[in-house]
Amino acid sequence: MAGPIVEARAIHKHFGHLHVLKGVDLKVAEKELVFLIGPSGSGKSTLLRCLNRLEDPSSGSVVVDGIDMLDAKTDINKARQRIGMVFQSFNLYPHMTALGNVALALRKVQGMSRAEAEAKAQRALERVHLADRADHYPLQLSGGQQQRVAIARAIALEPRVMLFDEPTSALDPELVGGVLAVMRELREDGMTMVVVSHEMGFAKAAADRVVFMADGAIVEEGEPRSIFADPQHARTRAFISQIERH
């Protein structure tokens, strides 16, 4: 069996005196959808940001698609092309159309001509069901549509892995479904995904594995069914019963 496409080992992260990650190990297989859950402040987003070096781990190792992300010789900008990231905020340029926002990354990062980049950007917008909004500016789009443009921008670069950091938490409830539907389609297309989110219904339905974090460490992990229906650890049980009540 092939090795994992993402492997983080013994990741520690300190922010001053704050010890945010305490020796976290995470492996993600190709085409796997791994869902990170846990209370606020448990280190989920920090772990995600360590995987693509938006945060530098204080110690440990991160290997993504065979690239040592912490090696000083690694071209981090080139390595990051393999790792798409979607944030809570959409970070779109307001003065550029949806097509322009997606094409910009292709031109700047991959050096494509405008025509080539726009053709590829259009295909990416089709994948997120926004081909008919290509010439709309962010302000003309709903929050859910803006987030789907952000997903299109990431997948246009053909990453090997997609990281999602609370992709729906800034959206009105009725707009969440469209974003989750696109994520589900990406998963069906075989995209490797690591997701931090409070969308537990989506975790139950779509995740291959759920990882529960608390206090900067992984407490428990397993198939969604076992984590949600039969958690083994008291911390996990307390968290699950709390979210089930809401």
Protein backbone atom coordinates (compact mmCIF):
# COMPACT_ATOMS: atom_id res chain seq x y z
CA MET A 1 0.00 0.00 0.00
CA ALA A 2 1.27 3.47 -0.87
CA GLY A 3 2.33 5.75 1.97
CA PRO A 4 0.22 8.66 3.16
CA ILE A 5 0.04 11.78 0.99
CA VAL A 6 0.14 13.93 4.15
CA GLU A 7 2.19 12.98 7.17
CA ALA A 8 2.69 15.25 10.17
CA ARG A 9 4.77 13.85 13.02
CA ALA A 10 5.24 15.10 16.58
CA ILE A 11 4.02 18.60 15.73
CA HIS A 12 4.49 21.09 18.54
CA LYS A 13 3.52 24.73 18.18
CA HIS A 14 4.17 27.46 20.72
CA PHE A 15 2.88 31.01 20.52
CA GLY A 16 5.02 32.59 23.22
CA HIS A 17 4.10 30.80 26.45
CA LEU A 18 1.04 29.22 24.86
CA HIS A 19 1.57 25.56 23.89
CA VAL A 20 -1.07 25.17 21.16
CA LEU A 21 -0.08 21.84 19.58
CA LYS A 22 1.40 19.13 21.79
CA GLY A 23 3.05 16.46 19.70
CA VAL A 24 0.34 15.85 17.10
CA ASP A 25 0.68 12.97 14.61
CA LEU A 26 -1.60 12.99 11.56
CA LYS A 27 -1.53 10.82 8.46
CA VAL A 28 -3.88 11.29 5.51
CA ALA A 29 -4.16 8.73 2.74
CA GLU A 30 -4.68 9.72 -0.87
CA LYS A 31 -8.37 10.42 -1.67
CA GLU A 32 -9.26 10.37 2.03
CA LEU A 33 -11.52 13.00 3.59
CA VAL A 34 -10.37 13.63 7.16
CA PHE A 35 -12.53 15.82 9.37
CA LEU A 36 -10.99 17.60 12.38
CA ILE A 37 -13.46 18.36 15.16
CA GLY A 38 -13.10 19.65 18.70
CA PRO A 39 -13.79 22.65 20.92
CA SER A 40 -12.55 26.13 20.02
CA GLY A 41 -8.90 26.53 20.94
CA SER A 42 -8.10 22.83 20.57
CA GLY A 43 -5.52 23.52 17.84
CA LYS A 44 -7.44 22.32 14.75
CA SER A 45 -6.86 25.41 12.57
CA THR A 46 -3.27 25.75 13.77
CA LEU A 47 -2.59 22.15 12.73
CA LEU A 48 -4.11 22.81 9.32
CA ARG A 49 -1.93 25.92 8.88
CA CYS A 50 1.18 23.96 9.86
CA LEU A 51 0.53 21.50 7.03
CA ASN A 52 1.13 24.18 4.38
CA ARG A 53 3.55 26.26 6.45
CA LEU A 54 1.25 29.24 6.95
CA GLU A 55 2.41 28.57 10.49
CA ASP A 56 5.85 27.15 11.18
CA PRO A 57 5.73 24.30 13.68
CA SER A 58 8.01 24.80 16.68
CA SER A 59 9.17 21.21 16.18
CA GLY A 60 8.19 18.07 14.31
CA SER A 61 8.01 17.13 10.63
CA VAL A 62 5.52 17.66 7.82
CA VAL A 63 5.70 15.78 4.51
CA VAL A 64 3.11 16.46 1.80
CA ASP A 65 3.14 14.51 -1.47
CA GLY A 66 6.74 13.50 -0.82
CA ILE A 67 7.94 17.04 -0.10
CA ASP A 68 9.54 17.85 3.25
CA MET A 69 7.68 21.07 4.03
CA LEU A 70 10.12 22.07 6.79
CA ASP A 71 13.34 21.53 4.85
CA ALA A 72 15.13 24.87 4.36
CA LYS A 73 15.85 23.84 0.74
CA THR A 74 12.16 23.35 -0.10
CA ASP A 75 10.69 26.02 -2.39
CA ILE A 76 7.68 26.66 -0.19
CA ASN A 77 5.72 28.64 -2.79
CA LYS A 78 6.12 25.83 -5.29
CA ALA A 79 5.22 23.21 -2.67
CA ARG A 80 2.10 25.14 -1.74
CA GLN A 81 0.78 24.78 -5.29
CA ARG A 82 0.11 21.15 -4.36
CA ILE A 83 -1.91 22.20 -1.30
CA GLY A 84 -5.11 24.15 -1.94
CA MET A 85 -6.49 26.11 1.00
CA VAL A 86 -9.94 27.56 1.57
CA PHE A 87 -10.46 29.88 4.53
CA GLN A 88 -13.42 31.14 6.51
CA SER A 89 -13.10 34.51 4.76
CA PHE A 90 -13.19 34.39 0.97
CA ASN A 91 -10.26 36.78 0.32
CA LEU A 92 -11.45 37.67 -3.18
CA TYR A 93 -10.28 40.82 -4.94
CA PRO A 94 -13.37 43.08 -5.04
CA HIS A 95 -12.27 44.86 -8.24
CA MET A 96 -11.95 41.61 -10.21
CA THR A 97 -14.69 39.34 -11.58
CA ALA A 98 -15.10 35.75 -10.44
CA LEU A 99 -13.20 34.67 -13.56
CA GLY A 100 -10.48 37.24 -12.91
CA ASN A 101 -10.02 36.10 -9.32
CA VAL A 102 -9.58 32.47 -10.37
CA ALA A 103 -7.39 33.26 -13.40
CA LEU A 104 -5.06 35.55 -11.42
CA ALA A 105 -3.56 32.69 -9.45
CA LEU A 106 -2.94 30.70 -12.62
CA ARG A 107 -1.16 33.64 -14.26
CA LYS A 108 0.87 34.65 -11.22
CA VAL A 109 1.70 31.22 -9.85
CA GLN A 110 1.85 29.07 -12.96
CA GLY A 111 2.83 31.74 -15.49
CA MET A 112 -0.02 31.02 -17.90
CA SER A 113 -1.07 33.43 -20.62
CA ARG A 114 -4.28 35.35 -19.98
CA ALA A 115 -6.23 33.26 -22.53
CA GLU A 116 -4.94 29.97 -21.14
CA ALA A 117 -5.59 31.03 -17.53
CA GLU A 118 -9.11 32.24 -18.30
CA ALA A 119 -9.99 29.01 -20.11
CA LYS A 120 -8.81 26.97 -17.14
CA ALA A 121 -10.51 29.35 -14.69
CA GLN A 122 -13.79 28.93 -16.56
CA ARG A 123 -13.51 25.15 -16.20
CA ALA A 124 -12.88 25.54 -12.47
CA LEU A 125 -15.97 27.76 -12.15
CA GLU A 126 -17.97 25.09 -13.97
CA ARG A 127 -16.88 22.55 -11.35
CA VAL A 128 -18.35 24.73 -8.58
CA HIS A 129 -21.52 25.46 -10.63
CA LEU A 130 -20.75 29.14 -11.19
CA ALA A 131 -19.96 29.24 -14.92
CA ASP A 132 -22.89 31.64 -15.37
CA ARG A 133 -21.42 34.03 -12.77
CA ALA A 134 -17.96 34.33 -14.33
CA ASP A 135 -18.34 38.03 -15.12
CA HIS A 136 -19.87 38.95 -11.73
CA TYR A 137 -17.89 40.87 -9.13
CA PRO A 138 -17.73 39.58 -5.52
CA LEU A 139 -20.24 42.17 -4.32
CA GLN A 140 -22.74 40.80 -6.85
CA LEU A 141 -22.40 37.29 -5.41
CA SER A 142 -23.83 35.76 -2.24
CA GLY A 143 -21.43 34.65 0.48
CA GLY A 144 -21.89 31.05 -0.58
CA GLN A 145 -21.10 31.90 -4.20
CA GLN A 146 -18.01 33.86 -3.12
CA GLN A 147 -16.82 30.86 -1.14
CA ARG A 148 -17.35 28.63 -4.18
CA VAL A 149 -15.23 31.07 -6.24
CA ALA A 150 -12.55 30.71 -3.56
CA ILE A 151 -12.78 26.91 -3.94
CA ALA A 152 -12.55 27.27 -7.74
CA ARG A 153 -9.43 29.43 -7.31
CA ALA A 154 -7.81 26.69 -5.22
CA ILE A 155 -8.76 23.72 -7.44
CA ALA A 156 -7.74 25.54 -10.64
CA LEU A 157 -4.12 25.03 -9.55
CA GLU A 158 -4.77 21.26 -9.49
CA PRO A 159 -3.59 20.66 -5.93
CA ARG A 160 -2.97 17.17 -4.62
CA VAL A 161 -4.55 18.04 -1.26
CA MET A 162 -7.24 20.52 -0.22
CA LEU A 163 -7.37 22.07 3.24
CA PHE A 164 -10.63 23.67 4.40
CA ASP A 165 -10.56 25.90 7.49
CA GLU A 166 -14.14 26.56 8.67
CA PRO A 167 -15.31 27.09 5.05
CA THR A 168 -18.97 27.64 5.98
CA SER A 169 -18.78 29.42 9.33
CA ALA A 170 -19.11 32.92 7.83
CA LEU A 171 -22.16 31.95 5.77
CA ASP A 172 -25.87 32.33 6.42
CA PRO A 173 -27.36 28.88 7.12
CA GLU A 174 -29.27 28.70 3.82
CA LEU A 175 -26.03 29.22 1.84
CA VAL A 176 -24.06 26.45 3.54
CA GLY A 177 -25.58 23.62 1.49
CA GLY A 178 -24.20 24.84 -1.83
CA VAL A 179 -20.65 24.93 -0.49
CA LEU A 180 -20.95 21.49 1.14
CA ALA A 181 -22.38 20.07 -2.11
CA VAL A 182 -19.29 21.27 -3.99
CA MET A 183 -17.02 19.77 -1.33
CA ARG A 184 -18.89 16.48 -1.59
CA GLU A 185 -18.41 16.47 -5.38
CA LEU A 186 -14.69 17.13 -4.96
CA ARG A 187 -14.51 14.16 -2.64
CA GLU A 188 -16.34 11.99 -5.19
CA ASP A 189 -13.82 13.14 -7.80
CA GLY A 190 -11.05 11.72 -5.58
CA MET A 191 -9.65 14.89 -4.00
CA THR A 192 -7.74 14.37 -0.76
CA MET A 193 -9.26 16.72 1.83
CA VAL A 194 -8.61 17.79 5.41
CA VAL A 195 -11.54 19.77 6.81
CA VAL A 196 -11.94 21.80 9.99
CA SER A 197 -15.65 22.53 10.39
CA HIS A 198 -18.62 22.52 12.75
CA GLU A 199 -20.84 20.92 10.08
CA MET A 200 -21.30 17.63 11.90
CA GLY A 201 -23.98 16.38 9.53
CA PHE A 202 -21.48 16.69 6.69
CA ALA A 203 -18.82 14.94 8.79
CA LYS A 204 -21.18 12.02 9.43
CA ALA A 205 -22.19 11.75 5.77
CA ALA A 206 -18.97 12.45 3.89
CA ALA A 207 -15.89 11.89 6.05
CA ASP A 208 -13.76 8.76 5.87
CA ARG A 209 -12.26 9.53 9.26
CA VAL A 210 -13.06 11.94 12.07
CA VAL A 211 -10.27 13.21 14.32
CA PHE A 212 -11.29 14.70 17.68
CA MET A 213 -8.83 17.22 19.14
CA ALA A 214 -8.77 18.84 22.56
CA ASP A 215 -6.09 20.87 24.35
CA GLY A 216 -3.67 20.70 21.44
CA ALA A 217 -3.69 16.91 21.07
CA ILE A 218 -5.58 14.22 19.18
CA VAL A 219 -7.79 12.48 21.74
CA GLU A 220 -9.55 9.98 19.50
CA GLU A 221 -10.03 9.18 15.81
CA GLY A 222 -12.02 6.73 13.78
CA GLU A 223 -14.85 6.27 11.32
CA PRO A 224 -17.66 8.82 11.72
CA ARG A 225 -20.02 6.11 12.93
CA SER A 226 -17.77 5.10 15.82
CA ILE A 227 -16.83 8.66 16.82
CA PHE A 228 -20.38 9.99 16.83
CA ALA A 229 -22.29 6.90 17.98
CA ASP A 230 -19.78 5.20 20.26
CA PRO A 231 -16.95 7.52 21.35
CA GLN A 232 -14.44 5.78 23.61
CA HIS A 233 -12.99 8.77 25.43
CA ALA A 234 -14.79 10.89 28.04
CA ARG A 235 -13.67 14.14 26.39
CA THR A 236 -15.09 12.99 23.06
CA ARG A 237 -18.35 11.88 24.66
CA ALA A 238 -18.77 15.25 26.40
CA PHE A 239 -18.11 17.15 23.16
CA ILE A 240 -20.45 14.98 21.06
CA SER A 241 -23.30 15.19 23.60
CA GLN A 242 -22.88 18.97 23.78
CA ILE A 243 -23.09 19.46 19.99
CA GLU A 244 -25.97 16.98 19.65
CA ARG A 245 -27.99 19.14 22.06
CA HIS A 246 -27.55 22.28 19.95
